[in-house]
PDB file of N, CA and C in Angstrom:
ATOM      1  N   MET A   1      16.773   9.140  -2.266  1.00  0.00           N
ATOM      2  CA  MET A   1      15.523   8.866  -2.939  1.00  0.00           C
ATOM      3  C   MET A   1      14.373   9.336  -2.045  1.00  0.00           C
ATOM      4  N   PRO A   2      13.391  10.017  -2.603  1.00  0.00           N
ATOM      5  CA  PRO A   2      12.254  10.491  -1.798  1.00  0.00           C
ATOM      6  C   PRO A   2      11.429   9.334  -1.226  1.00  0.00           C
ATOM      7  N   LYS A   3      10.762   9.625  -0.119  1.00  0.00           N
ATOM      8  CA  LYS A   3       9.877   8.636   0.515  1.00  0.00           C
ATOM      9  C   LYS A   3       8.437   9.090   0.360  1.00  0.00           C
ATOM     10  N   PHE A   4       7.555   8.129   0.136  1.00  0.00           N
ATOM     11  CA  PHE A   4       6.132   8.392  -0.052  1.00  0.00           C
ATOM     12  C   PHE A   4       5.341   7.519   0.901  1.00  0.00           C
ATOM     13  N   LYS A   5       4.183   8.030   1.337  1.00  0.00           N
ATOM     14  CA  LYS A   5       3.295   7.274   2.224  1.00  0.00           C
ATOM     15  C   LYS A   5       1.980   7.005   1.506  1.00  0.00           C
ATOM     16  N   ALA A   6       1.416   5.833   1.775  1.00  0.00           N
ATOM     17  CA  ALA A   6       0.111   5.477   1.218  1.00  0.00           C
ATOM     18  C   ALA A   6      -0.602   4.577   2.217  1.00  0.00           C
ATOM     19  N   TYR A   7      -1.920   4.597   2.159  1.00  0.00           N
ATOM     20  CA  TYR A   7      -2.732   3.710   2.991  1.00  0.00           C
ATOM     21  C   TYR A   7      -2.936   2.399   2.252  1.00  0.00           C
ATOM     22  N   VAL A   8      -2.714   1.289   2.973  1.00  0.00           N
ATOM     23  CA  VAL A   8      -2.801  -0.046   2.382  1.00  0.00           C
ATOM     24  C   VAL A   8      -3.683  -0.914   3.265  1.00  0.00           C
ATOM     25  N   LYS A   9      -4.570  -1.683   2.639  1.00  0.00           N
ATOM     26  CA  LYS A   9      -5.404  -2.639   3.376  1.00  0.00           C
ATOM     27  C   LYS A   9      -4.654  -3.964   3.469  1.00  0.00           C
ATOM     28  N   VAL A  10      -4.511  -4.474   4.680  1.00  0.00           N
ATOM     29  CA  VAL A  10      -3.853  -5.754   4.914  1.00  0.00           C
ATOM     30  C   VAL A  10      -4.786  -6.634   5.736  1.00  0.00           C
ATOM     31  N   PRO A  11      -4.624  -7.960   5.653  1.00  0.00           N
ATOM     32  CA  PRO A  11      -5.498  -8.850   6.435  1.00  0.00           C
ATOM     33  C   PRO A  11      -5.359  -8.596   7.933  1.00  0.00           C
ATOM     34  N   ALA A  12      -6.487  -8.549   8.615  1.00  0.00           N
ATOM     35  CA  ALA A  12      -6.499  -8.336  10.060  1.00  0.00           C
ATOM     36  C   ALA A  12      -6.386  -9.655  10.816  1.00  0.00           C
ATOM     37  N   GLU A  13      -6.759 -10.726  10.168  1.00  0.00           N
ATOM     38  CA  GLU A  13      -6.681 -12.047  10.786  1.00  0.00           C
ATOM     39  C   GLU A  13      -6.337 -13.065   9.711  1.00  0.00           C
ATOM     40  N   SER A  14      -5.830 -14.202  10.108  1.00  0.00           N
ATOM     41  CA  SER A  14      -5.365 -15.187   9.137  1.00  0.00           C
ATOM     42  C   SER A  14      -6.497 -15.935   8.441  1.00  0.00           C
ATOM     43  N   LYS A  15      -7.652 -16.091   9.088  1.00  0.00           N
ATOM     44  CA  LYS A  15      -8.722 -16.902   8.504  1.00  0.00           C
ATOM     45  C   LYS A  15      -9.806 -16.116   7.784  1.00  0.00           C
ATOM     46  N   GLY A  16     -10.080 -14.907   8.222  1.00  0.00           N
ATOM     47  CA  GLY A  16     -11.218 -14.168   7.687  1.00  0.00           C
ATOM     48  C   GLY A  16     -10.856 -13.204   6.577  1.00  0.00           C
ATOM     49  N   SER A  17     -11.883 -12.534   6.073  1.00  0.00           N
ATOM     50  CA  SER A  17     -11.682 -11.550   5.016  1.00  0.00           C
ATOM     51  C   SER A  17     -11.610 -10.137   5.583  1.00  0.00           C
ATOM     52  N   LEU A  18     -11.579 -10.014   6.908  1.00  0.00           N
ATOM     53  CA  LEU A  18     -11.490  -8.721   7.562  1.00  0.00           C
ATOM     54  C   LEU A  18     -10.129  -8.092   7.285  1.00  0.00           C
ATOM     55  N   LYS A  19     -10.141  -6.795   6.930  1.00  0.00           N
ATOM     56  CA  LYS A  19      -8.889  -6.107   6.633  1.00  0.00           C
ATOM     57  C   LYS A  19      -8.763  -4.869   7.494  1.00  0.00           C
ATOM     58  N   ARG A  20      -7.538  -4.490   7.765  1.00  0.00           N
ATOM     59  CA  ARG A  20      -7.267  -3.249   8.485  1.00  0.00           C
ATOM     60  C   ARG A  20      -6.411  -2.362   7.598  1.00  0.00           C
ATOM     61  N   ILE A  21      -6.465  -1.070   7.859  1.00  0.00           N
ATOM     62  CA  ILE A  21      -5.721  -0.117   7.046  1.00  0.00           C
ATOM     63  C   ILE A  21      -4.463   0.305   7.797  1.00  0.00           C
ATOM     64  N   VAL A  22      -3.324   0.218   7.119  1.00  0.00           N
ATOM     65  CA  VAL A  22      -2.052   0.646   7.689  1.00  0.00           C
ATOM     66  C   VAL A  22      -1.396   1.646   6.739  1.00  0.00           C
ATOM     67  N   THR A  23      -0.483   2.430   7.261  1.00  0.00           N
ATOM     68  CA  THR A  23       0.278   3.369   6.446  1.00  0.00           C
ATOM     69  C   THR A  23       1.615   2.737   6.098  1.00  0.00           C
ATOM     70  N   LYS A  24       1.941   2.693   4.834  1.00  0.00           N
ATOM     71  CA  LYS A  24       3.216   2.161   4.370  1.00  0.00           C
ATOM     72  C   LYS A  24       4.043   3.301   3.801  1.00  0.00           C
ATOM     73  N   THR A  25       5.316   3.308   4.103  1.00  0.00           N
ATOM     74  CA  THR A  25       6.245   4.287   3.563  1.00  0.00           C
ATOM     75  C   THR A  25       7.181   3.554   2.610  1.00  0.00           C
ATOM     76  N   ILE A  26       7.396   4.131   1.441  1.00  0.00           N
ATOM     77  CA  ILE A  26       8.205   3.486   0.424  1.00  0.00           C
ATOM     78  C   ILE A  26       9.106   4.519  -0.243  1.00  0.00           C
ATOM     79  N   SER A  27      10.321   4.110  -0.565  1.00  0.00           N
ATOM     80  CA  SER A  27      11.254   4.974  -1.293  1.00  0.00           C
ATOM     81  C   SER A  27      11.106   4.707  -2.780  1.00  0.00           C
ATOM     82  N   ALA A  28      10.973   5.779  -3.554  1.00  0.00           N
ATOM     83  CA  ALA A  28      10.827   5.643  -5.004  1.00  0.00           C
ATOM     84  C   ALA A  28      11.223   6.962  -5.658  1.00  0.00           C
ATOM     85  N   GLY A  29      11.464   6.914  -6.946  1.00  0.00           N
ATOM     86  CA  GLY A  29      11.853   8.101  -7.693  1.00  0.00           C
ATOM     87  C   GLY A  29      10.768   9.148  -7.771  1.00  0.00           C
ATOM     88  N   ASN A  30       9.498   8.694  -7.827  1.00  0.00           N
ATOM     89  CA  ASN A  30       8.364   9.622  -7.867  1.00  0.00           C
ATOM     90  C   ASN A  30       7.125   8.906  -7.337  1.00  0.00           C
ATOM     91  N   SER A  31       6.041   9.650  -7.188  1.00  0.00           N
ATOM     92  CA  SER A  31       4.834   9.083  -6.573  1.00  0.00           C
ATOM     93  C   SER A  31       4.187   8.003  -7.433  1.00  0.00           C
ATOM     94  N   VAL A  32       4.293   8.132  -8.743  1.00  0.00           N
ATOM     95  CA  VAL A  32       3.708   7.122  -9.642  1.00  0.00           C
ATOM     96  C   VAL A  32       4.413   5.778  -9.450  1.00  0.00           C
ATOM     97  N   ASN A  33       5.735   5.806  -9.365  1.00  0.00           N
ATOM     98  CA  ASN A  33       6.482   4.569  -9.141  1.00  0.00           C
ATOM     99  C   ASN A  33       6.203   3.979  -7.763  1.00  0.00           C
ATOM    100  N   ALA A  34       6.051   4.838  -6.762  1.00  0.00           N
ATOM    101  CA  ALA A  34       5.749   4.361  -5.412  1.00  0.00           C
ATOM    102  C   ALA A  34       4.407   3.635  -5.387  1.00  0.00           C
ATOM    103  N   LEU A  35       3.390   4.242  -6.008  1.00  0.00           N
ATOM    104  CA  LEU A  35       2.070   3.599  -6.059  1.00  0.00           C
ATOM    105  C   LEU A  35       2.121   2.298  -6.862  1.00  0.00           C
ATOM    106  N   ALA A  36       2.865   2.281  -7.948  1.00  0.00           N
ATOM    107  CA  ALA A  36       2.977   1.061  -8.763  1.00  0.00           C
ATOM    108  C   ALA A  36       3.614  -0.067  -7.961  1.00  0.00           C
ATOM    109  N   GLN A  37       4.632   0.251  -7.184  1.00  0.00           N
ATOM    110  CA  GLN A  37       5.283  -0.774  -6.362  1.00  0.00           C
ATOM    111  C   GLN A  37       4.332  -1.313  -5.296  1.00  0.00           C
ATOM    112  N   LEU A  38       3.612  -0.410  -4.635  1.00  0.00           N
ATOM    113  CA  LEU A  38       2.667  -0.850  -3.603  1.00  0.00           C
ATOM    114  C   LEU A  38       1.520  -1.650  -4.203  1.00  0.00           C
ATOM    115  N   ARG A  39       1.018  -1.223  -5.354  1.00  0.00           N
ATOM    116  CA  ARG A  39      -0.060  -1.971  -6.014  1.00  0.00           C
ATOM    117  C   ARG A  39       0.412  -3.349  -6.441  1.00  0.00           C
ATOM    118  N   GLY A  40       1.654  -3.465  -6.872  1.00  0.00           N
ATOM    119  CA  GLY A  40       2.205  -4.765  -7.224  1.00  0.00           C
ATOM    120  C   GLY A  40       2.331  -5.678  -6.025  1.00  0.00           C
ATOM    121  N   GLN A  41       2.662  -5.114  -4.880  1.00  0.00           N
ATOM    122  CA  GLN A  41       2.847  -5.911  -3.676  1.00  0.00           C
ATOM    123  C   GLN A  41       1.537  -6.246  -2.977  1.00  0.00           C
ATOM    124  N   TYR A  42       0.607  -5.285  -2.913  1.00  0.00           N
ATOM    125  CA  TYR A  42      -0.619  -5.470  -2.133  1.00  0.00           C
ATOM    126  C   TYR A  42      -1.884  -5.604  -2.983  1.00  0.00           C
ATOM    127  N   GLY A  43      -1.800  -5.346  -4.276  1.00  0.00           N
ATOM    128  CA  GLY A  43      -2.969  -5.397  -5.139  1.00  0.00           C
ATOM    129  C   GLY A  43      -3.590  -4.020  -5.289  1.00  0.00           C
ATOM    130  N   SER A  44      -4.065  -3.715  -6.482  1.00  0.00           N
ATOM    131  CA  SER A  44      -4.608  -2.387  -6.778  1.00  0.00           C
ATOM    132  C   SER A  44      -5.769  -2.009  -5.876  1.00  0.00           C
ATOM    133  N   SER A  45      -6.629  -2.949  -5.579  1.00  0.00           N
ATOM    134  CA  SER A  45      -7.813  -2.626  -4.780  1.00  0.00           C
ATOM    135  C   SER A  45      -7.478  -2.371  -3.313  1.00  0.00           C
ATOM    136  N   ASN A  46      -6.263  -2.716  -2.888  1.00  0.00           N
ATOM    137  CA  ASN A  46      -5.873  -2.554  -1.487  1.00  0.00           C
ATOM    138  C   ASN A  46      -5.035  -1.320  -1.226  1.00  0.00           C
ATOM    139  N   VAL A  47      -4.727  -0.527  -2.271  1.00  0.00           N
ATOM    140  CA  VAL A  47      -3.893   0.653  -2.110  1.00  0.00           C
ATOM    141  C   VAL A  47      -4.744   1.899  -2.350  1.00  0.00           C
ATOM    142  N   ASN A  48      -4.708   2.810  -1.375  1.00  0.00           N
ATOM    143  CA  ASN A  48      -5.451   4.065  -1.492  1.00  0.00           C
ATOM    144  C   ASN A  48      -4.445   5.182  -1.736  1.00  0.00           C
ATOM    145  N   ASN A  49      -4.603   5.925  -2.808  1.00  0.00           N
ATOM    146  CA  ASN A  49      -3.638   6.961  -3.142  1.00  0.00           C
ATOM    147  C   ASN A  49      -4.061   8.337  -2.684  1.00  0.00           C
ATOM    148  N   ASP A  50      -5.028   8.448  -1.789  1.00  0.00           N
ATOM    149  CA  ASP A  50      -5.456   9.768  -1.285  1.00  0.00           C
ATOM    150  C   ASP A  50      -4.491  10.281  -0.246  1.00  0.00           C
TER     151      ASP A  50
END
């Protein structure tokens, strides 16, 4: 299965709203499915598909 990378915003600290950007790699059949899985896990506003 192909692997895809996307930038995802995750909390930088447990108490605040500060977020950091990390690269996540995911296996999926195609890029649309990979983005859908990441958006389901991290939320649409936290996934950058660029």
